[in-house]
Protein backbone atom coordinates (compact mmCIF):
# COMPACT_ATOMS: atom_id res chain seq x y z
CA MET A 1 -9.87 20.63 -12.47
CA THR A 2 -6.48 21.04 -14.06
CA HIS A 3 -4.16 23.71 -12.78
CA ASN A 4 -3.56 24.91 -16.34
CA ALA A 5 -7.22 25.71 -16.92
CA CYS A 6 -8.11 29.36 -17.32
CA LEU A 7 -10.21 30.79 -14.54
CA PRO A 8 -13.70 32.01 -15.49
CA GLU A 9 -14.12 35.75 -16.07
CA CYS A 10 -17.26 35.95 -13.90
CA GLY A 11 -16.26 36.64 -10.29
CA VAL A 12 -18.78 34.23 -8.75
CA ALA A 13 -17.82 31.44 -11.16
CA ARG A 14 -14.14 32.13 -10.43
CA PHE A 15 -14.79 31.91 -6.68
CA LEU A 16 -16.65 28.62 -7.10
CA THR A 17 -13.87 27.23 -9.30
CA LEU A 18 -11.20 28.04 -6.70
CA LEU A 19 -13.30 26.91 -3.74
CA ASN A 20 -14.88 23.90 -5.40
CA GLY A 21 -16.58 21.28 -3.27
CA PRO A 22 -17.69 21.50 0.34
CA TRP A 23 -14.24 20.92 1.83
CA ALA A 24 -12.46 23.88 0.27
CA THR A 25 -14.33 26.53 2.24
CA LEU A 26 -14.02 24.51 5.46
CA ILE A 27 -10.24 24.20 4.98
CA VAL A 28 -10.02 27.98 4.61
CA ARG A 29 -12.19 28.37 7.73
CA GLU A 30 -9.66 26.31 9.71
CA LEU A 31 -6.69 28.25 8.33
CA LEU A 32 -8.30 31.54 9.36
CA HIS A 33 -7.32 30.55 12.93
CA GLY A 34 -3.63 30.60 11.96
CA PRO A 35 -1.04 28.17 10.56
CA ARG A 36 -2.03 24.51 10.73
CA ARG A 37 -0.27 21.23 10.15
CA PHE A 38 -1.80 18.66 7.81
CA THR A 39 -2.85 16.41 10.70
CA GLU A 40 -4.46 19.36 12.52
CA LEU A 41 -6.50 20.17 9.44
CA ARG A 42 -7.47 16.52 8.93
CA ASP A 43 -8.52 16.17 12.58
CA ALA A 44 -10.57 19.38 12.44
CA LEU A 45 -12.48 18.14 9.38
CA PRO A 46 -13.96 14.73 10.21
CA GLY A 47 -14.77 12.81 7.05
CA ILE A 48 -12.23 14.47 4.75
CA SER A 49 -9.91 12.04 3.00
CA PRO A 50 -6.16 12.71 3.06
CA HIS A 51 -6.28 12.70 -0.77
CA THR A 52 -8.92 15.44 -0.86
CA LEU A 53 -7.12 17.55 1.74
CA THR A 54 -3.83 17.24 -0.14
CA SER A 55 -5.50 18.05 -3.45
CA ARG A 56 -7.22 21.19 -2.11
CA LEU A 57 -4.09 22.43 -0.33
CA ARG A 58 -2.04 21.99 -3.54
CA GLN A 59 -4.69 23.86 -5.55
CA PHE A 60 -4.70 26.70 -2.99
CA GLU A 61 -0.92 26.82 -3.15
CA THR A 62 -1.00 26.98 -6.96
CA TYR A 63 -3.33 29.99 -6.89
CA GLY A 64 -1.50 31.81 -4.09
CA ILE A 65 -4.18 31.34 -1.43
CA VAL A 66 -2.01 29.22 0.90
CA THR A 67 1.70 28.89 1.59
CA ARG A 68 3.31 25.58 2.53
CA THR A 69 6.35 25.80 4.79
CA ALA A 70 8.49 22.74 5.50
CA TYR A 71 10.68 22.97 8.60
CA PRO A 72 13.93 20.94 8.60
CA GLU A 73 13.18 19.06 11.80
CA ILE A 74 13.07 15.42 12.76
CA PRO A 75 10.33 14.41 12.21
CA PRO A 76 9.70 16.91 9.42
CA ARG A 77 7.08 19.55 10.17
CA VAL A 78 4.99 21.18 7.44
CA GLU A 79 2.62 24.06 8.07
CA TYR A 80 -0.02 25.60 5.86
CA GLN A 81 -0.93 29.26 6.21
CA LEU A 82 -3.20 31.64 4.35
CA THR A 83 -1.50 34.31 2.26
CA PRO A 84 -2.86 37.88 2.34
CA LEU A 85 -4.99 36.84 -0.65
CA GLY A 86 -6.33 33.89 1.35
CA GLU A 87 -6.93 36.11 4.39
CA GLY A 88 -9.23 38.15 2.17
CA LEU A 89 -11.65 35.23 2.35
CA ARG A 90 -12.33 36.03 6.04
CA GLU A 91 -14.88 38.71 5.07
CA VAL A 92 -16.50 36.36 2.55
CA LEU A 93 -16.86 33.52 5.07
CA ASP A 94 -18.08 35.92 7.78
CA ALA A 95 -20.74 37.21 5.37
CA MET A 96 -21.75 33.64 4.45
CA ALA A 97 -22.06 32.70 8.13
CA THR A 98 -24.09 35.82 8.97
CA TRP A 99 -26.44 35.17 6.09
CA ALA A 100 -26.83 31.47 6.95
CA MET A 101 -27.62 32.24 10.60
CA SER A 102 -30.41 34.60 9.48
CA ILE A 103 -32.34 31.71 7.93
CA PRO A 104 -35.04 30.53 10.35
CA GLU A 105 -35.34 26.87 11.24
CA PRO A 106 -38.07 25.20 9.17
CA ALA A 107 -41.38 24.78 10.96
CA PRO A 108 -42.06 21.22 12.07
CA ALA A 109 -44.25 19.21 9.71
CA PRO A 110 -47.88 18.98 10.86
């Protein structure tokens, strides 16, 4: 997805465009706990590639969902934090989790 692309007019399609792929929602889930460093996010999401994490964080920054703060320390420290817009995803993720937990486990095959 290019950052210059127009977002869809349909709200659900817009949501799926911004939170594309399985990692995007999980990154937001981690950031709902507060500011995180890149390595903290990577460690909390086993299997995510650094490229994918960087790409999603940049996309979130572009759309105002996440802020990136670089601290002038040695070694440099960078933290990612949800903006108020990003914090609005808390209710969405809570609703998704509640719905998912209401689904019964499938019955064992006979």
